[in-house]
Amino acid sequence: MDMEIWDRLKDENIPVLPMRQVSTAAEAVEAAKALGYPVVMKILSPDISHKSDVGGVVLDLGSDGEVKEAYHKMMERVTSQVPGASIQGVMLQKMARSGLEVIIGAKKDPQFGHVIMFGLGGIFVEICKDVSFRVTPVNREMAQQMILEIKGSPILGGARGRTAVDIEAMIDVITGLSRLLEKHPEIVELDINPLVVYPKEAIAVDARMLVD
């Protein structure tokens, strides 16, 4: 997630994890201290959309020394994997506590316009393809229907001894994304993956955006 996406999500009241953009190892250490350990480090480059594929994401950094070492190693890895990429530095982000991961995404269809997708994260969306779709604009009632119609929806409600998660918070994110897409028709794709959902809130941990 870069600062532009972060700002656009915040404008629609979509909660995001605190983050800082830095361009040196020393700045990374200071940012990590300000955010509070543990933190996540992500490469910041307009030429790299799938950061994990090139070693551009390091999780659970717990000390100044780990942050400094991770910064230098990340720069070496990424410049080796993607020669010529424009690297603007790294993003430091507070590490999210564990919760239920869902994905909310959008694509611009040539015929229908923006279409929003909702599904549970991990194997549910990758293997089971357990997702729902709506054409924008999406209101609260439509968003609730999207959430409840996937096969895995009982998990959200606390099936088999699980803790129920905040359905209203997910509705807020879906409708917020719908408003964002209406304001910015130039957005071709936008994925919030994952959105981590808890009993009383939901927080966007990472996002990717493609603009025409």
N, C-alpha and C. Protein backbone atom coordinates (compact mmCIF):
# COMPACT_ATOMS: atom_id res chain seq x y z
N MET A 1 0.85 -1.19 0.00
CA MET A 1 0.00 0.00 0.00
C MET A 1 0.89 1.24 0.00
N ASP A 2 0.74 2.14 -0.97
CA ASP A 2 1.52 3.37 -0.94
C ASP A 2 0.66 4.50 -0.36
N MET A 3 1.27 5.66 -0.22
CA MET A 3 0.60 6.76 0.47
C MET A 3 -0.64 7.24 -0.28
N GLU A 4 -0.61 7.19 -1.61
CA GLU A 4 -1.76 7.65 -2.39
C GLU A 4 -2.99 6.79 -2.10
N ILE A 5 -2.81 5.46 -2.12
CA ILE A 5 -3.94 4.57 -1.81
C ILE A 5 -4.38 4.79 -0.37
N TRP A 6 -3.40 4.87 0.52
CA TRP A 6 -3.68 5.07 1.95
C TRP A 6 -4.55 6.30 2.16
N ASP A 7 -4.18 7.42 1.50
CA ASP A 7 -4.94 8.66 1.65
C ASP A 7 -6.36 8.52 1.08
N ARG A 8 -6.47 7.85 -0.07
CA ARG A 8 -7.80 7.71 -0.69
C ARG A 8 -8.72 6.85 0.17
N LEU A 9 -8.17 5.79 0.76
CA LEU A 9 -8.99 4.95 1.65
C LEU A 9 -9.41 5.73 2.89
N LYS A 10 -8.47 6.48 3.46
CA LYS A 10 -8.79 7.28 4.64
C LYS A 10 -9.87 8.32 4.34
N ASP A 11 -9.84 8.89 3.14
CA ASP A 11 -10.85 9.89 2.77
C ASP A 11 -12.26 9.32 2.81
N GLU A 12 -12.39 8.01 2.61
CA GLU A 12 -13.70 7.35 2.65
C GLU A 12 -13.94 6.64 3.98
N ASN A 13 -13.17 7.03 4.99
CA ASN A 13 -13.30 6.49 6.35
C ASN A 13 -13.06 4.98 6.41
N ILE A 14 -12.20 4.47 5.51
CA ILE A 14 -11.80 3.07 5.57
C ILE A 14 -10.57 2.99 6.47
N PRO A 15 -10.65 2.27 7.60
CA PRO A 15 -9.53 2.24 8.54
C PRO A 15 -8.30 1.55 7.94
N VAL A 16 -7.15 2.15 8.15
CA VAL A 16 -5.88 1.57 7.69
C VAL A 16 -4.90 1.57 8.85
N LEU A 17 -3.91 0.67 8.78
CA LEU A 17 -2.88 0.64 9.81
C LEU A 17 -1.97 1.86 9.68
N PRO A 18 -1.49 2.38 10.81
CA PRO A 18 -0.53 3.49 10.75
C PRO A 18 0.70 3.09 9.96
N MET A 19 1.25 4.02 9.18
CA MET A 19 2.43 3.73 8.38
C MET A 19 3.26 4.98 8.19
N ARG A 20 4.53 4.78 7.86
CA ARG A 20 5.45 5.87 7.60
C ARG A 20 6.28 5.54 6.36
N GLN A 21 6.47 6.51 5.50
CA GLN A 21 7.31 6.35 4.31
C GLN A 21 8.70 6.91 4.62
N VAL A 22 9.75 6.13 4.35
CA VAL A 22 11.12 6.56 4.64
C VAL A 22 12.02 6.19 3.47
N SER A 23 13.22 6.80 3.44
CA SER A 23 14.13 6.53 2.33
C SER A 23 15.55 6.17 2.76
N THR A 24 15.78 6.03 4.07
CA THR A 24 17.08 5.58 4.56
C THR A 24 16.88 4.60 5.71
N ALA A 25 17.95 3.85 6.03
CA ALA A 25 17.87 2.90 7.14
C ALA A 25 17.66 3.62 8.47
N ALA A 26 18.32 4.76 8.63
CA ALA A 26 18.17 5.52 9.88
C ALA A 26 16.74 6.02 10.05
N GLU A 27 16.15 6.52 8.95
CA GLU A 27 14.76 6.97 9.01
C GLU A 27 13.83 5.80 9.31
N ALA A 28 14.16 4.62 8.78
CA ALA A 28 13.34 3.43 9.02
C ALA A 28 13.32 3.08 10.50
N VAL A 29 14.47 3.18 11.15
CA VAL A 29 14.55 2.88 12.59
C VAL A 29 13.71 3.87 13.38
N GLU A 30 13.82 5.16 13.06
CA GLU A 30 13.04 6.17 13.77
C GLU A 30 11.54 5.98 13.56
N ALA A 31 11.15 5.62 12.33
CA ALA A 31 9.74 5.39 12.03
C ALA A 31 9.21 4.19 12.80
N ALA A 32 10.02 3.14 12.87
CA ALA A 32 9.60 1.93 13.59
C ALA A 32 9.40 2.23 15.08
N LYS A 33 10.29 3.03 15.64
CA LYS A 33 10.14 3.42 17.06
C LYS A 33 8.85 4.20 17.28
N ALA A 34 8.56 5.11 16.34
CA ALA A 34 7.35 5.93 16.48
C ALA A 34 6.08 5.09 16.35
N LEU A 35 6.11 4.12 15.43
CA LEU A 35 4.94 3.26 15.23
C LEU A 35 4.76 2.29 16.37
N GLY A 36 5.89 1.80 16.90
CA GLY A 36 5.86 0.79 17.96
C GLY A 36 6.04 -0.60 17.38
N TYR A 37 6.97 -1.35 17.95
CA TYR A 37 7.24 -2.70 17.46
C TYR A 37 6.14 -3.67 17.87
N PRO A 38 5.96 -4.75 17.06
CA PRO A 38 6.63 -5.12 15.82
C PRO A 38 6.07 -4.37 14.61
N VAL A 39 6.91 -4.29 13.55
CA VAL A 39 6.50 -3.58 12.35
C VAL A 39 6.73 -4.46 11.11
N VAL A 40 6.12 -4.02 10.02
CA VAL A 40 6.30 -4.64 8.71
C VAL A 40 7.01 -3.64 7.81
N MET A 41 7.94 -4.13 6.98
CA MET A 41 8.63 -3.28 6.02
C MET A 41 8.25 -3.72 4.61
N LYS A 42 7.89 -2.73 3.75
CA LYS A 42 7.50 -3.02 2.37
C LYS A 42 8.23 -2.07 1.43
N ILE A 43 8.72 -2.61 0.34
CA ILE A 43 9.40 -1.78 -0.65
C ILE A 43 8.41 -0.82 -1.28
N LEU A 44 8.87 0.37 -1.63
CA LEU A 44 8.02 1.39 -2.21
C LEU A 44 8.55 1.72 -3.60
N SER A 45 7.82 1.24 -4.63
CA SER A 45 8.25 1.45 -6.01
C SER A 45 7.04 1.41 -6.93
N PRO A 46 6.92 2.39 -7.83
CA PRO A 46 5.81 2.36 -8.79
C PRO A 46 5.97 1.24 -9.82
N ASP A 47 7.15 0.65 -9.90
CA ASP A 47 7.42 -0.40 -10.87
C ASP A 47 7.19 -1.81 -10.32
N ILE A 48 6.84 -1.89 -9.02
CA ILE A 48 6.68 -3.20 -8.39
C ILE A 48 5.31 -3.27 -7.73
N SER A 49 4.40 -4.07 -8.29
CA SER A 49 3.07 -4.18 -7.70
C SER A 49 2.97 -5.38 -6.76
N HIS A 50 3.64 -6.48 -7.10
CA HIS A 50 3.62 -7.67 -6.24
C HIS A 50 4.92 -7.73 -5.46
N LYS A 51 4.93 -7.05 -4.34
CA LYS A 51 6.15 -6.85 -3.57
C LYS A 51 6.75 -8.14 -3.03
N SER A 52 5.89 -9.06 -2.60
CA SER A 52 6.38 -10.30 -1.99
C SER A 52 7.18 -11.13 -2.99
N ASP A 53 6.82 -11.05 -4.25
CA ASP A 53 7.48 -11.86 -5.28
C ASP A 53 8.95 -11.51 -5.46
N VAL A 54 9.33 -10.30 -5.08
CA VAL A 54 10.73 -9.88 -5.28
C VAL A 54 11.44 -9.64 -3.95
N GLY A 55 10.89 -10.19 -2.87
CA GLY A 55 11.51 -10.03 -1.56
C GLY A 55 11.32 -8.64 -0.98
N GLY A 56 10.24 -7.98 -1.38
CA GLY A 56 10.00 -6.62 -0.94
C GLY A 56 9.10 -6.47 0.25
N VAL A 57 8.90 -7.56 1.01
CA VAL A 57 8.10 -7.50 2.24
C VAL A 57 8.80 -8.30 3.33
N VAL A 58 8.97 -7.69 4.49
CA VAL A 58 9.53 -8.40 5.65
C VAL A 58 8.60 -8.16 6.83
N LEU A 59 8.17 -9.24 7.47
CA LEU A 59 7.21 -9.17 8.56
C LEU A 59 7.87 -9.24 9.93
N ASP A 60 7.16 -8.75 10.92
CA ASP A 60 7.48 -9.00 12.33
C ASP A 60 8.88 -8.57 12.73
N LEU A 61 9.27 -7.37 12.35
CA LEU A 61 10.55 -6.82 12.78
C LEU A 61 10.39 -6.25 14.19
N GLY A 62 11.25 -6.69 15.11
CA GLY A 62 11.00 -6.38 16.51
C GLY A 62 12.03 -5.52 17.21
N SER A 63 13.03 -4.99 16.47
CA SER A 63 14.05 -4.18 17.12
C SER A 63 14.69 -3.24 16.11
N ASP A 64 15.43 -2.26 16.64
CA ASP A 64 16.13 -1.31 15.77
C ASP A 64 17.11 -2.04 14.84
N GLY A 65 17.85 -3.00 15.41
CA GLY A 65 18.83 -3.74 14.64
C GLY A 65 18.19 -4.54 13.52
N GLU A 66 17.05 -5.16 13.79
CA GLU A 66 16.36 -5.95 12.77
C GLU A 66 15.85 -5.04 11.64
N VAL A 67 15.37 -3.86 11.98
CA VAL A 67 14.87 -2.93 10.97
C VAL A 67 16.01 -2.46 10.07
N LYS A 68 17.14 -2.09 10.67
CA LYS A 68 18.29 -1.61 9.90
C LYS A 68 18.80 -2.70 8.96
N GLU A 69 18.94 -3.92 9.48
CA GLU A 69 19.42 -5.03 8.66
C GLU A 69 18.42 -5.35 7.54
N ALA A 70 17.12 -5.35 7.85
CA ALA A 70 16.09 -5.66 6.86
C ALA A 70 16.10 -4.62 5.74
N TYR A 71 16.33 -3.37 6.08
CA TYR A 71 16.36 -2.30 5.06
C TYR A 71 17.45 -2.56 4.04
N HIS A 72 18.67 -2.79 4.53
CA HIS A 72 19.80 -2.99 3.62
C HIS A 72 19.63 -4.25 2.78
N LYS A 73 19.18 -5.33 3.40
CA LYS A 73 18.99 -6.59 2.66
C LYS A 73 17.88 -6.46 1.62
N MET A 74 16.83 -5.73 1.96
CA MET A 74 15.73 -5.55 1.02
C MET A 74 16.20 -4.77 -0.20
N MET A 75 16.95 -3.73 0.01
CA MET A 75 17.46 -2.94 -1.12
C MET A 75 18.32 -3.81 -2.04
N GLU A 76 19.16 -4.66 -1.46
CA GLU A 76 20.00 -5.55 -2.26
C GLU A 76 19.15 -6.54 -3.06
N ARG A 77 18.18 -7.16 -2.39
CA ARG A 77 17.33 -8.16 -3.05
C ARG A 77 16.54 -7.55 -4.20
N VAL A 78 15.89 -6.45 -3.91
CA VAL A 78 14.98 -5.87 -4.91
C VAL A 78 15.74 -5.33 -6.12
N THR A 79 16.86 -4.65 -5.89
CA THR A 79 17.63 -4.13 -7.01
C THR A 79 18.22 -5.27 -7.84
N SER A 80 18.47 -6.39 -7.20
CA SER A 80 18.95 -7.56 -7.93
C SER A 80 17.83 -8.22 -8.73
N GLN A 81 16.64 -8.31 -8.13
CA GLN A 81 15.50 -8.96 -8.78
C GLN A 81 14.88 -8.09 -9.87
N VAL A 82 14.85 -6.78 -9.65
CA VAL A 82 14.21 -5.86 -10.60
C VAL A 82 15.18 -4.73 -10.96
N PRO A 83 16.19 -5.03 -11.75
CA PRO A 83 17.15 -3.99 -12.12
C PRO A 83 16.45 -2.84 -12.86
N GLY A 84 16.82 -1.64 -12.49
CA GLY A 84 16.24 -0.48 -13.16
C GLY A 84 14.94 0.02 -12.56
N ALA A 85 14.40 -0.70 -11.56
CA ALA A 85 13.16 -0.24 -10.92
C ALA A 85 13.40 1.06 -10.17
N SER A 86 12.44 1.95 -10.23
CA SER A 86 12.51 3.20 -9.46
C SER A 86 12.10 2.90 -8.02
N ILE A 87 13.04 3.01 -7.10
CA ILE A 87 12.77 2.70 -5.69
C ILE A 87 12.73 4.00 -4.90
N GLN A 88 11.59 4.25 -4.25
CA GLN A 88 11.38 5.50 -3.52
C GLN A 88 11.68 5.36 -2.04
N GLY A 89 12.04 4.15 -1.62
CA GLY A 89 12.30 3.89 -0.22
C GLY A 89 11.47 2.71 0.25
N VAL A 90 11.07 2.74 1.51
CA VAL A 90 10.24 1.66 2.05
C VAL A 90 9.10 2.26 2.87
N MET A 91 8.09 1.45 3.08
CA MET A 91 6.97 1.80 3.94
C MET A 91 7.07 0.96 5.21
N LEU A 92 7.06 1.61 6.35
CA LEU A 92 7.00 0.93 7.64
C LEU A 92 5.56 0.97 8.13
N GLN A 93 5.09 -0.17 8.59
CA GLN A 93 3.69 -0.27 9.00
C GLN A 93 3.60 -1.06 10.29
N LYS A 94 2.74 -0.63 11.16
CA LYS A 94 2.49 -1.38 12.40
C LYS A 94 2.00 -2.78 12.04
N MET A 95 2.54 -3.80 12.70
CA MET A 95 2.13 -5.18 12.44
C MET A 95 0.71 -5.39 12.96
N ALA A 96 -0.16 -5.92 12.11
CA ALA A 96 -1.55 -6.16 12.51
C ALA A 96 -1.64 -7.36 13.44
N ARG A 97 -2.47 -7.24 14.46
CA ARG A 97 -2.71 -8.41 15.29
C ARG A 97 -3.59 -9.39 14.51
N SER A 98 -3.54 -10.65 14.91
CA SER A 98 -4.24 -11.68 14.14
C SER A 98 -5.76 -11.49 14.22
N GLY A 99 -6.42 -11.79 13.11
CA GLY A 99 -7.87 -11.70 13.03
C GLY A 99 -8.32 -12.47 11.80
N LEU A 100 -9.56 -12.33 11.42
CA LEU A 100 -10.07 -13.01 10.23
C LEU A 100 -9.78 -12.17 8.99
N GLU A 101 -9.13 -12.77 8.00
CA GLU A 101 -8.75 -12.03 6.80
C GLU A 101 -9.80 -12.20 5.70
N VAL A 102 -10.22 -11.07 5.14
CA VAL A 102 -11.10 -11.09 3.97
C VAL A 102 -10.45 -10.23 2.89
N ILE A 103 -10.94 -10.39 1.67
CA ILE A 103 -10.46 -9.58 0.56
C ILE A 103 -11.64 -8.85 -0.06
N ILE A 104 -11.43 -7.56 -0.33
CA ILE A 104 -12.42 -6.75 -1.01
C ILE A 104 -11.70 -6.10 -2.20
N GLY A 105 -12.18 -6.36 -3.38
CA GLY A 105 -11.50 -5.86 -4.57
C GLY A 105 -12.48 -5.25 -5.55
N ALA A 106 -11.93 -4.58 -6.55
CA ALA A 106 -12.76 -3.97 -7.58
C ALA A 106 -12.02 -3.97 -8.90
N LYS A 107 -12.78 -4.17 -9.98
CA LYS A 107 -12.25 -4.05 -11.33
C LYS A 107 -13.23 -3.26 -12.18
N LYS A 108 -12.69 -2.57 -13.16
CA LYS A 108 -13.53 -1.79 -14.07
C LYS A 108 -13.83 -2.64 -15.30
N ASP A 109 -15.10 -2.98 -15.46
CA ASP A 109 -15.55 -3.76 -16.60
C ASP A 109 -15.94 -2.81 -17.74
N PRO A 110 -15.52 -3.12 -18.99
CA PRO A 110 -15.83 -2.23 -20.10
C PRO A 110 -17.32 -2.01 -20.31
N GLN A 111 -18.13 -3.00 -19.95
CA GLN A 111 -19.57 -2.90 -20.18
C GLN A 111 -20.33 -2.39 -18.96
N PHE A 112 -19.99 -2.90 -17.78
CA PHE A 112 -20.79 -2.60 -16.58
C PHE A 112 -20.20 -1.51 -15.70
N GLY A 113 -18.95 -1.15 -15.93
CA GLY A 113 -18.29 -0.21 -15.03
C GLY A 113 -17.61 -0.96 -13.90
N HIS A 114 -17.48 -0.31 -12.75
CA HIS A 114 -16.78 -0.94 -11.63
C HIS A 114 -17.62 -2.06 -11.01
N VAL A 115 -16.95 -3.17 -10.75
CA VAL A 115 -17.57 -4.32 -10.08
C VAL A 115 -16.77 -4.61 -8.82
N ILE A 116 -17.45 -4.69 -7.68
CA ILE A 116 -16.79 -4.97 -6.40
C ILE A 116 -16.94 -6.44 -6.07
N MET A 117 -15.84 -7.02 -5.55
CA MET A 117 -15.81 -8.44 -5.16
C MET A 117 -15.53 -8.54 -3.66
N PHE A 118 -16.19 -9.52 -3.01
CA PHE A 118 -15.94 -9.79 -1.59
C PHE A 118 -15.73 -11.29 -1.39
N GLY A 119 -14.78 -11.64 -0.55
CA GLY A 119 -14.58 -13.06 -0.22
C GLY A 119 -13.70 -13.20 1.00
N LEU A 120 -13.73 -14.39 1.60
CA LEU A 120 -12.80 -14.69 2.68
C LEU A 120 -11.40 -14.81 2.10
N GLY A 121 -10.39 -14.49 2.90
CA GLY A 121 -9.02 -14.52 2.42
C GLY A 121 -8.44 -15.93 2.38
N GLY A 122 -7.17 -16.01 1.99
CA GLY A 122 -6.46 -17.28 1.97
C GLY A 122 -7.01 -18.26 0.96
N ILE A 123 -7.12 -19.52 1.36
CA ILE A 123 -7.51 -20.58 0.43
C ILE A 123 -8.95 -20.43 -0.03
N PHE A 124 -9.77 -19.72 0.73
CA PHE A 124 -11.18 -19.57 0.35
C PHE A 124 -11.32 -18.87 -0.99
N VAL A 125 -10.52 -17.82 -1.17
CA VAL A 125 -10.62 -17.08 -2.43
C VAL A 125 -9.72 -17.69 -3.50
N GLU A 126 -8.55 -18.24 -3.10
CA GLU A 126 -7.60 -18.77 -4.08
C GLU A 126 -8.03 -20.11 -4.64
N ILE A 127 -8.52 -20.99 -3.79
CA ILE A 127 -8.84 -22.36 -4.20
C ILE A 127 -10.35 -22.57 -4.36
N CYS A 128 -11.11 -22.12 -3.38
CA CYS A 128 -12.55 -22.37 -3.39
C CYS A 128 -13.32 -21.38 -4.26
N LYS A 129 -12.68 -20.24 -4.59
CA LYS A 129 -13.35 -19.21 -5.40
C LYS A 129 -14.69 -18.81 -4.78
N ASP A 130 -14.71 -18.75 -3.45
CA ASP A 130 -15.94 -18.42 -2.73
C ASP A 130 -16.05 -16.90 -2.60
N VAL A 131 -16.60 -16.27 -3.65
CA VAL A 131 -16.67 -14.82 -3.69
C VAL A 131 -18.04 -14.36 -4.18
N SER A 132 -18.35 -13.10 -3.94
CA SER A 132 -19.59 -12.50 -4.44
C SER A 132 -19.24 -11.19 -5.14
N PHE A 133 -20.15 -10.75 -6.03
CA PHE A 133 -19.89 -9.56 -6.84
C PHE A 133 -21.11 -8.65 -6.86
N ARG A 134 -20.86 -7.34 -6.97
CA ARG A 134 -21.92 -6.36 -7.21
C ARG A 134 -21.36 -5.24 -8.08
N VAL A 135 -22.22 -4.73 -8.97
CA VAL A 135 -21.86 -3.56 -9.78
C VAL A 135 -22.11 -2.31 -8.94
N THR A 136 -21.20 -1.35 -9.00
CA THR A 136 -21.38 -0.11 -8.25
C THR A 136 -22.48 0.75 -8.88
N PRO A 137 -23.12 1.62 -8.12
CA PRO A 137 -22.89 1.87 -6.70
C PRO A 137 -23.48 0.78 -5.80
N VAL A 138 -22.78 0.52 -4.69
CA VAL A 138 -23.20 -0.52 -3.75
C VAL A 138 -23.62 0.16 -2.45
N ASN A 139 -24.90 -0.03 -2.07
CA ASN A 139 -25.38 0.55 -0.81
C ASN A 139 -25.21 -0.47 0.33
N ARG A 140 -25.64 -0.10 1.52
CA ARG A 140 -25.41 -0.95 2.69
C ARG A 140 -26.16 -2.28 2.59
N GLU A 141 -27.37 -2.23 2.08
CA GLU A 141 -28.14 -3.47 1.94
C GLU A 141 -27.47 -4.42 0.95
N MET A 142 -27.00 -3.89 -0.16
CA MET A 142 -26.31 -4.72 -1.15
C MET A 142 -25.01 -5.29 -0.59
N ALA A 143 -24.30 -4.47 0.18
CA ALA A 143 -23.04 -4.92 0.77
C ALA A 143 -23.28 -6.06 1.76
N GLN A 144 -24.35 -5.94 2.56
CA GLN A 144 -24.68 -7.02 3.49
C GLN A 144 -25.03 -8.30 2.74
N GLN A 145 -25.76 -8.18 1.65
CA GLN A 145 -26.08 -9.36 0.84
C GLN A 145 -24.81 -10.01 0.30
N MET A 146 -23.86 -9.20 -0.16
CA MET A 146 -22.59 -9.73 -0.66
C MET A 146 -21.90 -10.58 0.40
N ILE A 147 -21.89 -10.07 1.62
CA ILE A 147 -21.19 -10.74 2.71
C ILE A 147 -21.88 -12.05 3.09
N LEU A 148 -23.20 -12.02 3.14
CA LEU A 148 -23.94 -13.18 3.64
C LEU A 148 -24.14 -14.27 2.60
N GLU A 149 -23.96 -13.95 1.31
CA GLU A 149 -24.26 -14.96 0.30
C GLU A 149 -23.07 -15.88 -0.03
N ILE A 150 -21.87 -15.56 0.45
CA ILE A 150 -20.77 -16.50 0.20
C ILE A 150 -20.96 -17.75 1.06
N LYS A 151 -20.44 -18.87 0.59
CA LYS A 151 -20.62 -20.13 1.32
C LYS A 151 -19.98 -20.10 2.70
N GLY A 152 -18.91 -19.34 2.83
CA GLY A 152 -18.20 -19.28 4.10
C GLY A 152 -18.75 -18.27 5.08
N SER A 153 -19.92 -17.70 4.80
CA SER A 153 -20.46 -16.65 5.68
C SER A 153 -20.70 -17.11 7.12
N PRO A 154 -21.04 -18.41 7.37
CA PRO A 154 -21.20 -18.82 8.77
C PRO A 154 -19.94 -18.58 9.62
N ILE A 155 -18.77 -18.62 8.98
CA ILE A 155 -17.53 -18.36 9.71
C ILE A 155 -17.54 -16.94 10.27
N LEU A 156 -18.09 -16.00 9.51
CA LEU A 156 -18.14 -14.61 9.95
C LEU A 156 -19.05 -14.45 11.18
N GLY A 157 -20.07 -15.30 11.24
CA GLY A 157 -21.02 -15.19 12.34
C GLY A 157 -20.65 -15.97 13.57
N GLY A 158 -19.49 -16.65 13.55
CA GLY A 158 -19.02 -17.36 14.74
C GLY A 158 -19.36 -18.83 14.76
N ALA A 159 -19.45 -19.47 13.58
CA ALA A 159 -19.77 -20.90 13.52
C ALA A 159 -18.68 -21.74 14.16
N ARG A 160 -19.07 -22.89 14.70
CA ARG A 160 -18.16 -23.88 15.29
C ARG A 160 -17.22 -23.27 16.33
N GLY A 161 -17.76 -22.44 17.18
CA GLY A 161 -16.99 -21.91 18.30
C GLY A 161 -16.07 -20.76 17.98
N ARG A 162 -16.10 -20.30 16.73
CA ARG A 162 -15.29 -19.14 16.39
C ARG A 162 -15.91 -17.87 16.96
N THR A 163 -15.09 -16.84 17.07
CA THR A 163 -15.59 -15.54 17.51
C THR A 163 -16.20 -14.81 16.31
N ALA A 164 -17.42 -14.32 16.48
CA ALA A 164 -18.07 -13.57 15.41
C ALA A 164 -17.32 -12.27 15.14
N VAL A 165 -17.30 -11.85 13.88
CA VAL A 165 -16.59 -10.62 13.52
C VAL A 165 -17.59 -9.53 13.16
N ASP A 166 -17.07 -8.33 12.96
CA ASP A 166 -17.88 -7.12 12.81
C ASP A 166 -18.40 -7.00 11.36
N ILE A 167 -19.62 -7.43 11.14
CA ILE A 167 -20.24 -7.35 9.80
C ILE A 167 -20.41 -5.90 9.37
N GLU A 168 -20.84 -5.06 10.30
CA GLU A 168 -21.07 -3.65 9.97
C GLU A 168 -19.79 -2.96 9.51
N ALA A 169 -18.67 -3.33 10.12
CA ALA A 169 -17.39 -2.73 9.71
C ALA A 169 -17.04 -3.12 8.28
N MET A 170 -17.34 -4.36 7.89
CA MET A 170 -17.09 -4.79 6.51
C MET A 170 -18.02 -4.06 5.54
N ILE A 171 -19.27 -3.85 5.95
CA ILE A 171 -20.21 -3.09 5.13
C ILE A 171 -19.70 -1.68 4.92
N ASP A 172 -19.15 -1.07 5.99
CA ASP A 172 -18.57 0.27 5.88
C ASP A 172 -17.47 0.32 4.83
N VAL A 173 -16.62 -0.71 4.80
CA VAL A 173 -15.50 -0.73 3.86
C VAL A 173 -16.00 -0.90 2.43
N ILE A 174 -16.95 -1.81 2.22
CA ILE A 174 -17.49 -2.04 0.87
C ILE A 174 -18.16 -0.78 0.33
N THR A 175 -18.99 -0.13 1.14
CA THR A 175 -19.67 1.07 0.68
C THR A 175 -18.69 2.23 0.52
N GLY A 176 -17.66 2.28 1.36
CA GLY A 176 -16.63 3.29 1.21
C GLY A 176 -15.86 3.12 -0.08
N LEU A 177 -15.56 1.86 -0.42
CA LEU A 177 -14.87 1.58 -1.67
C LEU A 177 -15.76 1.96 -2.86
N SER A 178 -17.04 1.70 -2.76
CA SER A 178 -17.97 2.07 -3.82
C SER A 178 -17.96 3.59 -4.05
N ARG A 179 -17.96 4.37 -2.98
CA ARG A 179 -17.91 5.83 -3.10
C ARG A 179 -16.60 6.27 -3.75
N LEU A 180 -15.52 5.64 -3.34
CA LEU A 180 -14.21 5.97 -3.89
C LEU A 180 -14.16 5.75 -5.40
N LEU A 181 -14.73 4.64 -5.84
CA LEU A 181 -14.73 4.32 -7.27
C LEU A 181 -15.59 5.30 -8.07
N GLU A 182 -16.69 5.73 -7.46
CA GLU A 182 -17.55 6.72 -8.14
C GLU A 182 -16.81 8.05 -8.32
N LYS A 183 -16.02 8.44 -7.33
CA LYS A 183 -15.29 9.70 -7.38
C LYS A 183 -14.08 9.61 -8.32
N HIS A 184 -13.55 8.40 -8.50
CA HIS A 184 -12.32 8.22 -9.28
C HIS A 184 -12.53 7.16 -10.35
N PRO A 185 -13.23 7.50 -11.43
CA PRO A 185 -13.49 6.53 -12.50
C PRO A 185 -12.22 6.05 -13.20
N GLU A 186 -11.11 6.76 -12.98
CA GLU A 186 -9.86 6.35 -13.61
C GLU A 186 -9.24 5.10 -12.96
N ILE A 187 -9.76 4.68 -11.81
CA ILE A 187 -9.24 3.48 -11.15
C ILE A 187 -9.70 2.25 -11.93
N VAL A 188 -8.74 1.45 -12.37
CA VAL A 188 -9.02 0.24 -13.14
C VAL A 188 -9.15 -0.97 -12.22
N GLU A 189 -8.27 -1.05 -11.22
CA GLU A 189 -8.31 -2.14 -10.24
C GLU A 189 -7.95 -1.58 -8.88
N LEU A 190 -8.55 -2.14 -7.84
CA LEU A 190 -8.17 -1.80 -6.48
C LEU A 190 -8.49 -3.00 -5.60
N ASP A 191 -7.48 -3.53 -4.95
CA ASP A 191 -7.66 -4.67 -4.05
C ASP A 191 -7.24 -4.30 -2.64
N ILE A 192 -8.12 -4.53 -1.68
CA ILE A 192 -7.77 -4.45 -0.27
C ILE A 192 -7.57 -5.89 0.19
N ASN A 193 -6.32 -6.27 0.37
CA ASN A 193 -6.01 -7.67 0.64
C ASN A 193 -4.73 -7.79 1.46
N PRO A 194 -4.88 -8.11 2.78
CA PRO A 194 -6.14 -8.43 3.42
C PRO A 194 -6.78 -7.24 4.13
N LEU A 195 -8.09 -7.35 4.32
CA LEU A 195 -8.80 -6.57 5.32
C LEU A 195 -8.93 -7.50 6.52
N VAL A 196 -8.34 -7.13 7.64
CA VAL A 196 -8.40 -7.98 8.83
C VAL A 196 -9.58 -7.53 9.69
N VAL A 197 -10.45 -8.48 9.99
CA VAL A 197 -11.70 -8.17 10.69
C VAL A 197 -11.67 -8.75 12.10
N TYR A 198 -12.09 -7.94 13.05
CA TYR A 198 -12.11 -8.31 14.47
C TYR A 198 -13.56 -8.23 14.98
N PRO A 199 -13.80 -8.58 16.23
CA PRO A 199 -15.17 -8.50 16.74
C PRO A 199 -15.77 -7.10 16.70
N LYS A 200 -14.92 -6.06 16.78
CA LYS A 200 -15.45 -4.70 16.86
C LYS A 200 -14.87 -3.74 15.82
N GLU A 201 -14.12 -4.23 14.84
CA GLU A 201 -13.56 -3.32 13.83
C GLU A 201 -12.98 -4.13 12.68
N ALA A 202 -12.59 -3.41 11.63
CA ALA A 202 -11.90 -4.00 10.49
C ALA A 202 -10.83 -3.01 10.04
N ILE A 203 -9.66 -3.52 9.67
CA ILE A 203 -8.55 -2.64 9.29
C ILE A 203 -7.91 -3.13 8.00
N ALA A 204 -7.73 -2.22 7.04
CA ALA A 204 -7.04 -2.56 5.80
C ALA A 204 -5.53 -2.64 6.08
N VAL A 205 -4.96 -3.80 5.78
CA VAL A 205 -3.53 -4.02 6.05
C VAL A 205 -2.71 -3.76 4.79
N ASP A 206 -3.23 -4.12 3.64
CA ASP A 206 -2.50 -3.87 2.40
C ASP A 206 -3.50 -3.60 1.29
N ALA A 207 -3.07 -2.84 0.30
CA ALA A 207 -3.92 -2.51 -0.83
C ALA A 207 -3.06 -2.27 -2.07
N ARG A 208 -3.65 -2.52 -3.20
CA ARG A 208 -2.96 -2.34 -4.49
C ARG A 208 -3.93 -1.66 -5.45
N MET A 209 -3.44 -0.66 -6.18
CA MET A 209 -4.32 0.10 -7.07
C MET A 209 -3.67 0.27 -8.43
N LEU A 210 -4.48 0.13 -9.47
CA LEU A 210 -4.04 0.36 -10.84
C LEU A 210 -4.93 1.45 -11.44
N VAL A 211 -4.30 2.50 -11.96
CA VAL A 211 -5.03 3.65 -12.50
C VAL A 211 -4.77 3.75 -14.00
N ASP A 212 -5.82 4.06 -14.74
CA ASP A 212 -5.69 4.24 -16.19
C ASP A 212 -5.16 5.65 -16.44
